[in-house]
Amino acid sequence: MSIHHNTNNNIPFLDLVTPHVELEQELTSVFLRALRSASFIGGPMVENFEKAFASFCETNYSIAVSNGTDALRFAIMTCGVQPGDVVLTVPHTFIATAEAISQAGALPEFIDVDKCTYNMSVEMLQQHLEEQCTRSRSGKLLSLRSGRPVTAIVPVHLYGQMADMDSILRLAAKYGLTVIEDACQAHGAEYFSKNHNRWMKAGSMGRAAAFSFYPGKNLGACGEAGAVTTNDIGVADKIRMLRDHGQATKYYHEIEGCNGRIDAIQAGLLHAKLNHLTKWNADRQNHAAEYNRLLANNNAVTLPHEPAWSRSVYHLYVIRTIDRDGMMEHLKNAGIGTGIHYPLPLHMQKAYASLNYCVNDFPVAKSVASEIISLPMFPQLTTEQQIKVAAEIHNFTSKAPPEHSGYEENLVGAVERVA
């Protein structure tokens, strides 16, 4: 995977240099303000960014924190999930989703993903709630797998596209569960809610939502940063305390918290970039449409599926093909950077061997992981670059396919390592 400024005819997977060079004066002014005021922790730059990001997400509150994992962990901790509770999420996501659940003291249980959107399958969620859960005498929803209370759902808005939130919220309401959005890849994504009869932003539909501002995100810091959005003032106030050692006022600690604050400089940089995010997202959407056009007639690849209720912001443009490894090698030899997001589902990772899942428990996630390729996607991508990417994909798929991609051998090795 290549992540750099394009200085030759190669096409990087992600260009992080060009946008920073284009905004150099704006970003440099943030550093100067911080240096001249010695405002490095908290203060106006943090407060102003929080207000602006809340407005962008169409929520009442935004609380900036140290990174996206902390954002999700804090959201879980403040939305009624108790240590030992079960939180339902997906196996096809970055490990931080499950880490945040575990580090909040809860237990992740997985729901398979939809074969078209790769987000949480509403059908599998419903089936899990109906067949893998029961009610205690007191009415609590319990997991048959672990015997623990089930209290929350964390849908992941993967690759920049929101999960089917109306359906998930309907099931959550039926079973008395809290919904916390993992919106770490979905800054500005939209979902048409029939319940509200309008388009709604990622981060505005659950009780709380987590965002990551890792440098490669649609809105990226120049380091680590994250934020929680919510319309619940109680959740917002508690996260403000959690991120700052549990103190509501200096040296008076109402709860035991941690150091999860954002640096003021990062908040200032994010605020400057936020003014450009709508255009950057539109550029990504245009690039996705161009890829769709260029690859439309290639039956050897499956293009991203965007339902009518979705406006994806294409944090990643992910295709599927049978010989994924062969295609990646071909593109690499042509000077084209690619990525895999993600090569091994969480239920198959050694880190979660203690959950005792079987390899085939989530067949869609397993199948997706063996075939996906993330193509170059960033706002400054040119049409000429996309034409070259598409041409090389067509060149590769026009050849006779190999007997296999080697994924099954890699899979066996991974399973043996887990065991």
Protein backbone atom coordinates (compact mmCIF):
# COMPACT_ATOMS: atom_id res chain seq x y z
CA MET A 1 0.00 0.00 0.00
CA SER A 2 1.42 3.42 -0.92
CA ILE A 3 0.51 6.56 0.99
CA HIS A 4 2.49 9.51 -0.25
CA HIS A 5 2.70 12.43 -2.63
CA ASN A 6 2.72 11.37 -6.27
CA THR A 7 6.07 12.44 -7.71
CA ASN A 8 6.10 10.19 -10.80
CA ASN A 9 3.67 8.24 -12.92
CA ASN A 10 2.79 5.91 -10.05
CA ILE A 11 -0.66 6.21 -8.53
CA PRO A 12 -0.64 6.13 -4.71
CA PHE A 13 -3.39 4.46 -2.74
CA LEU A 14 -3.69 7.67 -0.72
CA ASP A 15 -2.04 11.08 -1.12
CA LEU A 16 -1.68 12.84 2.24
CA VAL A 17 0.88 15.39 1.09
CA THR A 18 -1.00 17.39 -1.56
CA PRO A 19 -3.96 18.51 0.60
CA HIS A 20 -1.62 19.68 3.34
CA VAL A 21 0.52 21.60 0.86
CA GLU A 22 -2.64 23.21 -0.57
CA LEU A 23 -3.73 24.28 2.92
CA GLU A 24 -0.25 25.10 4.21
CA GLN A 25 -0.99 28.73 5.04
CA GLU A 26 -4.23 27.91 6.88
CA LEU A 27 -2.64 25.08 8.83
CA THR A 28 0.51 27.02 9.68
CA SER A 29 -1.61 29.82 11.13
CA VAL A 30 -3.03 27.31 13.62
CA PHE A 31 0.44 26.51 14.92
CA LEU A 32 1.26 30.21 15.20
CA ARG A 33 -1.91 30.91 17.21
CA ALA A 34 -1.07 28.07 19.58
CA LEU A 35 2.54 29.16 19.98
CA ARG A 36 1.64 32.79 20.62
CA SER A 37 -1.07 31.97 23.15
CA ALA A 38 0.52 28.85 24.72
CA SER A 39 -2.94 27.28 24.40
CA PHE A 40 -2.11 23.61 23.93
CA ILE A 41 -4.76 21.78 25.98
CA GLY A 42 -8.41 22.84 25.89
CA GLY A 43 -9.32 26.45 25.23
CA PRO A 44 -10.97 28.26 22.31
CA MET A 45 -9.55 26.10 19.49
CA VAL A 46 -11.03 22.96 21.02
CA GLU A 47 -14.35 24.60 21.86
CA ASN A 48 -14.71 26.19 18.42
CA PHE A 49 -13.98 22.92 16.64
CA GLU A 50 -16.47 21.05 18.81
CA LYS A 51 -19.21 23.54 17.97
CA ALA A 52 -18.40 23.43 14.26
CA PHE A 53 -18.26 19.64 14.10
CA ALA A 54 -21.54 19.28 16.02
CA SER A 55 -23.13 21.64 13.50
CA PHE A 56 -21.65 19.65 10.60
CA CYS A 57 -23.05 16.39 12.02
CA GLU A 58 -26.39 18.05 12.88
CA THR A 59 -26.11 17.13 16.55
CA ASN A 60 -26.39 19.16 19.73
CA TYR A 61 -22.98 18.23 21.08
CA SER A 62 -19.54 17.17 19.94
CA ILE A 63 -16.81 16.25 22.42
CA ALA A 64 -13.31 16.10 20.99
CA VAL A 65 -11.05 13.38 22.40
CA SER A 66 -7.63 11.85 21.87
CA ASN A 67 -8.51 9.28 19.16
CA GLY A 68 -11.35 7.32 17.59
CA THR A 69 -10.93 4.26 19.81
CA ASP A 70 -11.30 6.39 22.93
CA ALA A 71 -14.29 8.10 21.32
CA LEU A 72 -16.09 4.77 20.92
CA ARG A 73 -14.98 3.50 24.33
CA PHE A 74 -16.22 6.67 26.06
CA ALA A 75 -19.52 6.50 24.16
CA ILE A 76 -20.06 2.90 25.27
CA MET A 77 -19.16 3.71 28.88
CA THR A 78 -21.61 6.61 29.07
CA CYS A 79 -24.60 5.08 27.27
CA GLY A 80 -25.68 2.60 29.91
CA VAL A 81 -23.43 -0.36 29.04
CA GLN A 82 -22.20 -1.98 32.25
CA PRO A 83 -19.06 -4.11 32.74
CA GLY A 84 -19.91 -7.67 31.72
CA ASP A 85 -22.68 -6.68 29.30
CA VAL A 86 -22.82 -7.92 25.71
CA VAL A 87 -22.53 -5.43 22.84
CA LEU A 88 -23.45 -6.59 19.34
CA THR A 89 -21.27 -5.50 16.43
CA VAL A 90 -19.78 -6.87 13.19
CA PRO A 91 -16.69 -9.02 12.51
CA HIS A 92 -15.84 -7.13 9.31
CA THR A 93 -14.35 -3.93 10.68
CA PHE A 94 -11.09 -2.57 12.07
CA ILE A 95 -10.23 -4.13 15.41
CA ALA A 96 -10.74 -0.82 17.24
CA THR A 97 -14.50 -1.41 17.14
CA ALA A 98 -14.20 -4.55 19.26
CA GLU A 99 -11.30 -3.16 21.31
CA ALA A 100 -13.45 -0.26 22.46
CA ILE A 101 -16.18 -2.69 23.56
CA SER A 102 -13.73 -4.91 25.45
CA GLN A 103 -11.87 -2.00 27.01
CA ALA A 104 -15.17 -0.61 28.29
CA GLY A 105 -15.54 -3.90 30.17
CA ALA A 106 -18.16 -5.36 27.84
CA LEU A 107 -18.13 -8.46 25.65
CA PRO A 108 -18.40 -8.21 21.85
CA GLU A 109 -20.69 -10.63 20.05
CA PHE A 110 -20.71 -10.56 16.28
CA ILE A 111 -23.45 -10.25 13.67
CA ASP A 112 -22.63 -11.12 10.05
CA VAL A 113 -22.59 -8.40 7.42
CA ASP A 114 -24.84 -7.79 4.44
CA LYS A 115 -23.47 -9.33 1.22
CA CYS A 116 -24.02 -6.11 -0.76
CA THR A 117 -23.21 -3.23 1.60
CA TYR A 118 -20.77 -5.07 3.94
CA ASN A 119 -22.44 -3.30 6.87
CA MET A 120 -24.39 -5.05 9.62
CA SER A 121 -27.05 -7.35 8.19
CA VAL A 122 -30.45 -6.39 9.54
CA GLU A 123 -31.72 -9.89 8.80
CA MET A 124 -28.89 -11.51 10.74
CA LEU A 125 -29.35 -9.04 13.60
CA GLN A 126 -33.02 -9.91 13.83
CA GLN A 127 -32.26 -13.61 13.65
CA HIS A 128 -29.66 -13.27 16.40
CA LEU A 129 -32.06 -11.40 18.69
CA GLU A 130 -34.81 -13.93 18.08
CA GLU A 131 -32.76 -17.14 18.21
CA GLN A 132 -29.60 -16.38 20.20
CA CYS A 133 -31.13 -14.32 22.98
CA THR A 134 -33.72 -14.94 25.68
CA ARG A 135 -35.48 -13.00 28.44
CA SER A 136 -34.68 -13.42 32.12
CA ARG A 137 -37.46 -13.52 34.71
CA SER A 138 -36.88 -9.82 35.29
CA GLY A 139 -37.25 -9.13 31.57
CA LYS A 140 -33.57 -8.57 30.77
CA LEU A 141 -32.39 -9.64 27.35
CA LEU A 142 -29.72 -12.32 27.80
CA SER A 143 -27.25 -13.86 25.37
CA LEU A 144 -27.66 -17.61 25.06
CA ARG A 145 -24.00 -17.76 24.05
CA SER A 146 -22.58 -16.16 27.19
CA GLY A 147 -25.52 -15.82 29.58
CA ARG A 148 -24.77 -12.11 29.94
CA PRO A 149 -27.16 -9.16 29.50
CA VAL A 150 -27.31 -7.73 25.97
CA THR A 151 -27.53 -3.94 26.19
CA ALA A 152 -26.22 -2.26 23.03
CA ILE A 153 -25.65 -2.47 19.29
CA VAL A 154 -22.66 -0.86 17.56
CA PRO A 155 -23.30 -0.72 13.79
CA VAL A 156 -20.23 0.30 11.78
CA HIS A 157 -20.65 2.75 8.90
CA LEU A 158 -17.95 0.99 6.91
CA TYR A 159 -16.03 2.51 4.00
CA GLY A 160 -18.01 5.77 4.30
CA GLN A 161 -21.53 4.34 3.96
CA MET A 162 -24.07 4.28 6.76
CA ALA A 163 -25.69 1.07 7.94
CA ASP A 164 -29.47 0.63 7.61
CA MET A 165 -30.20 2.73 10.68
CA ASP A 166 -34.02 2.84 10.61
CA SER A 167 -34.15 -0.95 10.67
CA ILE A 168 -31.46 -1.27 13.34
CA LEU A 169 -33.12 1.35 15.53
CA ARG A 170 -36.48 -0.40 15.14
CA LEU A 171 -35.02 -3.68 16.39
CA ALA A 172 -33.14 -1.87 19.16
CA ALA A 173 -36.36 -0.25 20.38
CA LYS A 174 -38.19 -3.59 20.28
CA TYR A 175 -35.55 -5.28 22.42
CA GLY A 176 -34.66 -2.32 24.67
CA LEU A 177 -31.13 -1.83 23.32
CA THR A 178 -29.00 1.29 22.92
CA VAL A 179 -27.50 2.09 19.51
CA ILE A 180 -24.02 3.63 19.37
CA GLU A 181 -22.71 4.44 15.89
CA ASP A 182 -19.16 3.65 14.84
CA ALA A 183 -18.89 6.50 12.34
CA CYS A 184 -15.09 6.51 12.25
CA GLN A 185 -15.08 6.19 8.43
CA ALA A 186 -18.22 8.16 7.66
CA HIS A 187 -17.66 11.89 8.20
CA GLY A 188 -20.55 13.54 6.36
CA ALA A 189 -22.26 10.35 5.13
CA GLU A 190 -26.05 10.55 4.94
CA TYR A 191 -29.01 8.21 5.36
CA PHE A 192 -32.59 8.87 4.28
CA SER A 193 -34.68 8.07 7.33
CA LYS A 194 -38.28 7.18 6.57
CA ASN A 195 -38.98 7.58 10.28
CA HIS A 196 -37.95 11.25 10.09
CA ASN A 197 -38.72 11.77 6.36
CA ARG A 198 -35.38 13.46 5.74
CA TRP A 199 -31.70 12.86 5.12
CA MET A 200 -29.74 12.47 8.35
CA LYS A 201 -26.01 12.67 8.96
CA ALA A 202 -23.77 9.95 10.31
CA GLY A 203 -23.40 10.47 14.03
CA SER A 204 -26.89 11.93 14.52
CA MET A 205 -29.09 8.83 14.71
CA GLY A 206 -27.80 6.76 17.63
CA ARG A 207 -27.66 7.79 21.25
CA ALA A 208 -24.02 8.64 20.58
CA ALA A 209 -21.47 8.15 17.82
CA ALA A 210 -17.71 7.87 17.54
CA PHE A 211 -15.50 9.50 14.91
CA SER A 212 -11.81 8.99 14.22
CA PHE A 213 -9.64 11.75 12.78
CA TYR A 214 -6.71 9.48 11.97
CA PRO A 215 -4.72 11.24 9.19
CA GLY A 216 -6.10 9.09 6.36
CA LYS A 217 -9.78 9.71 7.19
CA ASN A 218 -12.02 12.01 5.13
CA LEU A 219 -11.43 14.55 7.91
CA GLY A 220 -7.98 13.74 9.24
CA ALA A 221 -5.80 15.33 11.87
CA CYS A 222 -2.03 15.72 11.63
CA GLY A 223 -1.74 13.02 14.27
CA GLU A 224 -4.28 11.27 16.48
CA ALA A 225 -7.71 12.69 17.35
CA GLY A 226 -11.36 11.69 17.65
CA ALA A 227 -14.77 12.93 18.72
CA VAL A 228 -18.09 11.78 20.12
CA THR A 229 -21.35 13.29 18.86
CA THR A 230 -24.62 13.08 20.75
CA ASN A 231 -27.91 14.86 21.39
CA ASP A 232 -27.90 13.71 25.02
CA ILE A 233 -26.51 16.36 27.38
CA GLY A 234 -25.95 13.75 30.10
CA VAL A 235 -23.75 11.69 27.78
CA ALA A 236 -21.88 14.80 26.64
CA ASP A 237 -21.19 16.00 30.20
CA LYS A 238 -19.96 12.60 31.34
CA ILE A 239 -17.61 12.22 28.35
CA ARG A 240 -16.16 15.66 29.10
CA MET A 241 -15.33 14.37 32.58
CA LEU A 242 -14.09 10.98 31.40
CA ARG A 243 -11.59 12.52 28.97
CA ASP A 244 -10.22 14.81 31.69
CA HIS A 245 -9.50 12.53 34.66
CA GLY A 246 -13.12 12.60 35.82
CA GLN A 247 -13.06 16.23 36.85
CA ALA A 248 -15.94 18.65 36.35
CA THR A 249 -13.85 21.48 37.81
CA LYS A 250 -10.08 21.48 38.25
CA TYR A 251 -8.88 19.04 40.92
CA TYR A 252 -12.42 18.00 41.89
CA HIS A 253 -13.02 14.53 40.50
CA GLU A 254 -16.59 13.23 40.40
CA ILE A 255 -15.68 9.94 38.70
CA GLU A 256 -12.52 8.04 37.88
CA GLY A 257 -11.62 9.07 34.35
CA CYS A 258 -8.54 9.03 32.17
CA ASN A 259 -6.44 11.27 29.97
CA GLY A 260 -8.37 11.27 26.72
CA ARG A 261 -8.12 14.93 25.74
CA ILE A 262 -7.47 16.24 22.26
CA ASP A 263 -4.52 18.58 21.71
CA ALA A 264 -5.64 22.12 20.94
CA ILE A 265 -3.39 22.22 17.87
CA GLN A 266 -5.09 19.14 16.42
CA ALA A 267 -8.50 20.69 17.09
CA GLY A 268 -7.43 23.86 15.30
CA LEU A 269 -6.09 21.91 12.32
CA LEU A 270 -9.32 19.91 12.12
CA HIS A 271 -11.41 23.07 12.26
CA ALA A 272 -9.44 24.53 9.34
CA LYS A 273 -9.89 21.32 7.33
CA LEU A 274 -13.58 21.02 8.21
CA ASN A 275 -14.29 24.03 6.01
CA HIS A 276 -13.13 21.95 3.02
CA LEU A 277 -14.72 18.62 3.94
CA THR A 278 -17.97 19.06 2.00
CA LYS A 279 -16.01 19.66 -1.22
CA TRP A 280 -13.60 16.82 -0.48
CA ASN A 281 -16.50 14.45 0.07
CA ALA A 282 -18.13 15.60 -3.17
CA ASP A 283 -14.83 14.93 -4.98
CA ARG A 284 -14.78 11.41 -3.54
CA GLN A 285 -18.37 10.84 -4.66
CA ASN A 286 -17.49 12.03 -8.16
CA HIS A 287 -14.47 9.71 -8.25
CA ALA A 288 -16.66 6.80 -7.16
CA ALA A 289 -19.11 7.57 -9.97
CA GLU A 290 -16.22 7.65 -12.43
CA TYR A 291 -14.91 4.28 -11.21
CA ASN A 292 -18.44 2.90 -11.54
CA ARG A 293 -18.57 4.10 -15.14
CA LEU A 294 -15.11 2.85 -16.06
CA LEU A 295 -15.62 -0.60 -14.52
CA ALA A 296 -19.32 -1.05 -15.28
CA ASN A 297 -18.93 -3.71 -17.95
CA ASN A 298 -16.31 -5.81 -16.19
CA ASN A 299 -18.09 -8.93 -14.96
CA ALA A 300 -15.01 -10.10 -13.07
CA VAL A 301 -15.34 -7.40 -10.43
CA THR A 302 -18.16 -6.46 -8.06
CA LEU A 303 -18.53 -2.72 -7.54
CA PRO A 304 -19.66 -1.01 -4.32
CA HIS A 305 -23.41 -1.12 -3.73
CA GLU A 306 -25.02 2.15 -2.68
CA PRO A 307 -28.70 1.74 -1.73
CA ALA A 308 -31.22 4.46 -2.57
CA TRP A 309 -31.29 5.51 1.08
CA SER A 310 -27.54 6.08 1.20
CA ARG A 311 -25.18 8.90 0.32
CA SER A 312 -21.75 7.40 0.88
CA VAL A 313 -18.69 9.61 1.27
CA TYR A 314 -16.37 6.85 -0.02
CA HIS A 315 -13.67 6.85 2.61
CA LEU A 316 -12.67 3.78 0.61
CA TYR A 317 -13.68 2.52 -2.82
CA VAL A 318 -13.77 -1.25 -2.42
CA ILE A 319 -14.31 -3.78 -5.19
CA ARG A 320 -14.42 -7.59 -5.06
CA THR A 321 -12.79 -10.11 -7.34
CA ILE A 322 -12.02 -13.82 -7.12
CA ASP A 323 -8.25 -13.54 -7.63
CA ARG A 324 -7.67 -10.64 -5.27
CA ASP A 325 -3.98 -11.34 -4.64
CA GLY A 326 -3.24 -11.70 -8.33
CA MET A 327 -4.98 -8.43 -9.15
CA MET A 328 -3.14 -6.58 -6.38
CA GLU A 329 0.20 -7.88 -7.65
CA HIS A 330 -0.68 -6.84 -11.21
CA LEU A 331 -1.66 -3.35 -10.07
CA LYS A 332 1.48 -3.06 -7.94
CA ASN A 333 3.64 -3.92 -10.95
CA ALA A 334 1.79 -1.20 -12.88
CA GLY A 335 2.67 1.35 -10.18
CA ILE A 336 -0.80 1.46 -8.61
CA GLY A 337 -1.25 1.35 -4.83
CA THR A 338 -4.05 -0.70 -3.28
CA GLY A 339 -5.15 -1.92 0.15
CA ILE A 340 -7.21 -4.61 1.89
CA HIS A 341 -9.78 -3.44 4.46
CA TYR A 342 -9.79 -5.95 6.13
CA PRO A 343 -8.03 -9.28 5.34
CA LEU A 344 -9.13 -11.34 8.37
CA PRO A 345 -12.50 -10.96 10.14
CA LEU A 346 -12.34 -10.30 13.88
CA HIS A 347 -13.83 -13.66 14.85
CA MET A 348 -10.81 -15.29 13.21
CA GLN A 349 -8.21 -13.05 14.81
CA LYS A 350 -5.92 -14.50 17.47
CA ALA A 351 -6.78 -11.56 19.72
CA TYR A 352 -10.36 -12.87 19.97
CA ALA A 353 -9.68 -16.59 20.12
CA SER A 354 -11.17 -16.56 23.64
CA LEU A 355 -14.59 -15.83 22.15
CA ASN A 356 -14.55 -19.37 20.73
CA TYR A 357 -16.08 -18.61 17.36
CA CYS A 358 -15.67 -21.02 14.47
CA VAL A 359 -14.19 -20.00 11.14
CA ASN A 360 -17.48 -20.43 9.28
CA ASP A 361 -19.72 -18.71 11.85
CA PHE A 362 -19.94 -15.57 9.69
CA PRO A 363 -19.79 -16.77 6.08
CA VAL A 364 -20.41 -13.42 4.41
CA ALA A 365 -17.65 -11.67 6.36
CA LYS A 366 -15.31 -14.56 5.59
CA SER A 367 -16.15 -14.46 1.87
CA VAL A 368 -15.83 -10.68 1.66
CA ALA A 369 -12.44 -10.73 3.38
CA SER A 370 -11.05 -13.07 0.72
CA GLU A 371 -12.05 -10.94 -2.28
CA ILE A 372 -11.94 -7.22 -1.43
CA ILE A 373 -9.50 -4.65 -2.82
CA SER A 374 -9.47 -0.97 -1.94
CA LEU A 375 -8.56 1.12 -5.00
CA PRO A 376 -6.88 4.55 -4.91
CA MET A 377 -9.34 7.07 -3.45
CA PHE A 378 -8.62 10.62 -2.32
CA PRO A 379 -10.02 14.03 -3.29
CA GLN A 380 -7.09 14.98 -5.54
CA LEU A 381 -7.32 11.79 -7.63
CA THR A 382 -7.44 12.67 -11.32
CA THR A 383 -9.58 11.23 -14.10
CA GLU A 384 -6.42 10.22 -15.94
CA GLN A 385 -5.26 8.24 -12.92
CA GLN A 386 -8.63 6.52 -12.64
CA ILE A 387 -8.54 5.63 -16.35
CA LYS A 388 -5.16 3.97 -15.82
CA VAL A 389 -6.42 2.04 -12.78
CA ALA A 390 -9.46 0.80 -14.70
CA ALA A 391 -7.38 -0.09 -17.76
CA GLU A 392 -5.02 -2.22 -15.67
CA ILE A 393 -7.96 -3.96 -14.00
CA HIS A 394 -9.43 -4.72 -17.43
CA ASN A 395 -6.02 -5.98 -18.61
CA PHE A 396 -5.75 -8.34 -15.67
CA THR A 397 -9.30 -9.71 -15.77
CA SER A 398 -9.11 -10.33 -19.52
CA LYS A 399 -6.50 -13.02 -18.87
CA ALA A 400 -7.43 -16.60 -18.02
CA PRO A 401 -8.08 -16.84 -14.27
CA PRO A 402 -5.67 -18.90 -12.12
CA GLU A 403 -6.80 -22.02 -10.32
CA HIS A 404 -6.98 -20.18 -6.99
CA SER A 405 -5.86 -16.99 -5.28
CA GLY A 406 -3.96 -18.51 -2.38
CA TYR A 407 -6.42 -17.07 0.15
CA GLU A 408 -7.47 -20.48 1.46
CA GLU A 409 -3.86 -21.37 2.25
CA ASN A 410 -3.42 -18.04 4.06
CA LEU A 411 -6.68 -18.66 5.87
CA VAL A 412 -5.56 -22.07 7.10
CA GLY A 413 -2.37 -20.52 8.43
CA ALA A 414 -4.31 -17.80 10.20
CA VAL A 415 -6.68 -20.31 11.79
CA GLU A 416 -3.75 -22.40 12.96
CA ARG A 417 -2.22 -19.33 14.58
CA VAL A 418 -5.52 -18.59 16.36
CA ALA A 419 -5.75 -22.18 17.57
